[in-house]
Each structure stands twice: as structure tokens, then as C-alpha cells.
Amino acid sequence: MMRLAIFLSLLSVSVAINGSHRADAAPLILKQSIPLPGVKGKFDHVAIDLVGQRVFIAAKVNDTLEVVDLKTGLACEV
């Protein structure tokens, strides 16, 4: 859960830095943490679907693909 929050925060920072070079931009604020029950170990690969507002996370140790719906805050295993 904490790792996903950290990842999403870093992703937001990256998008903010690349999309806007304004010095007066507001700081990022954590709005939500989404638990990934049963996921252990590290994430291998991560991809984001901006249009569908989903994050795809490969859980290396679990051999699963976790899909997080950012609109609803729900995660499921594929």
C-alpha cells in the first residue's frame, strides 16, 4: 500500500516536472492510498493508461498483474 502511494507520488512529480516548468506550481498532495492485498515483494514494471485512468503494475514475486482503477480507487489482480 505504501509503495503504491510512493510510486503514484513520484509519477505525479515526474508528470508535473515534464509538463510544467513553472516555479510557482503548487506542491503535490497525497489524496489517496490504494491497498494491494496479497501483493508481496517488489514491482517489476508499471504502466499508466491516462485515458482510462488506470495503472498496471507487474508484481514480480506474485507473478500477477495488478490493475488499479484510479477513478474508483479499486485494485484487482489479473
Protein backbone atom coordinates (compact mmCIF):
# COMPACT_ATOMS: atom_id res chain seq x y z
CA MET A 1 0.00 0.00 0.00
CA MET A 2 2.74 2.43 0.95
CA ARG A 3 4.79 1.52 -2.11
CA LEU A 4 1.88 2.32 -4.44
CA ALA A 5 1.37 5.68 -2.74
CA ILE A 6 5.07 6.46 -3.12
CA PHE A 7 5.05 5.35 -6.75
CA LEU A 8 1.99 7.44 -7.61
CA SER A 9 3.50 10.44 -5.87
CA LEU A 10 6.74 10.07 -7.84
CA LEU A 11 4.79 9.59 -11.06
CA SER A 12 2.85 12.77 -10.36
CA VAL A 13 6.07 14.65 -9.69
CA SER A 14 7.55 13.40 -12.95
CA VAL A 15 4.48 14.46 -14.94
CA ALA A 16 4.40 17.82 -13.18
CA ILE A 17 8.09 18.46 -13.87
CA ASN A 18 7.91 17.40 -17.52
CA GLY A 19 4.60 19.10 -18.22
CA SER A 20 5.19 22.38 -16.44
CA HIS A 21 8.40 24.22 -15.70
CA ARG A 22 6.73 26.90 -13.60
CA ALA A 23 8.43 27.74 -10.33
CA ASP A 24 5.12 28.78 -8.77
CA ALA A 25 3.40 25.38 -9.24
CA ALA A 26 1.52 24.09 -6.19
CA PRO A 27 3.12 21.21 -4.25
CA LEU A 28 1.74 17.72 -4.73
CA ILE A 29 -0.58 16.40 -2.06
CA LEU A 30 -1.30 12.72 -1.40
CA LYS A 31 -5.03 12.31 -1.95
CA GLN A 32 -5.47 8.58 -1.69
CA SER A 33 -3.72 5.31 -0.85
CA ILE A 34 -4.95 2.19 -2.62
CA PRO A 35 -4.18 -1.14 -0.91
CA LEU A 36 -2.95 -4.08 -2.97
CA PRO A 37 -3.97 -7.05 -0.82
CA GLY A 38 -1.78 -10.11 -1.16
CA VAL A 39 0.99 -8.37 -3.10
CA LYS A 40 4.41 -9.10 -1.67
CA GLY A 41 7.83 -8.05 -2.80
CA LYS A 42 8.77 -5.51 -5.41
CA PHE A 43 7.05 -4.23 -8.51
CA ASP A 44 8.71 -5.17 -11.78
CA HIS A 45 7.05 -2.92 -14.36
CA VAL A 46 4.46 -0.16 -14.16
CA ALA A 47 2.37 1.44 -16.93
CA ILE A 48 -0.35 4.08 -16.84
CA ASP A 49 -3.42 4.45 -19.03
CA LEU A 50 -4.16 8.18 -18.87
CA VAL A 51 -7.40 7.98 -20.87
CA GLY A 52 -8.84 5.06 -18.86
CA GLN A 53 -7.30 6.36 -15.61
CA ARG A 54 -5.75 3.00 -14.74
CA VAL A 55 -2.33 1.90 -13.51
CA PHE A 56 -0.97 -1.53 -14.43
CA ILE A 57 1.57 -2.99 -12.00
CA ALA A 58 3.51 -6.22 -12.52
CA ALA A 59 4.02 -7.84 -9.11
CA LYS A 60 7.21 -9.81 -9.73
CA VAL A 61 7.14 -12.16 -6.73
CA ASN A 62 3.41 -12.90 -7.12
CA ASP A 63 3.58 -13.43 -10.92
CA THR A 64 0.47 -11.26 -11.23
CA LEU A 65 -0.64 -8.11 -12.97
CA GLU A 66 -2.41 -5.70 -10.67
CA VAL A 67 -4.81 -3.21 -12.25
CA VAL A 68 -5.68 -0.11 -10.24
CA ASP A 69 -8.69 1.96 -11.29
CA LEU A 70 -7.82 5.50 -10.25
CA LYS A 71 -11.43 6.69 -10.64
CA THR A 72 -12.86 4.23 -8.12
CA GLY A 73 -9.74 3.51 -6.06
CA LEU A 74 -10.18 -0.24 -6.55
CA ALA A 75 -7.45 -2.73 -7.40
CA CYS A 76 -7.83 -6.18 -8.91
CA GLU A 77 -5.48 -8.98 -9.88
CA VAL A 78 -5.40 -10.25 -13.43
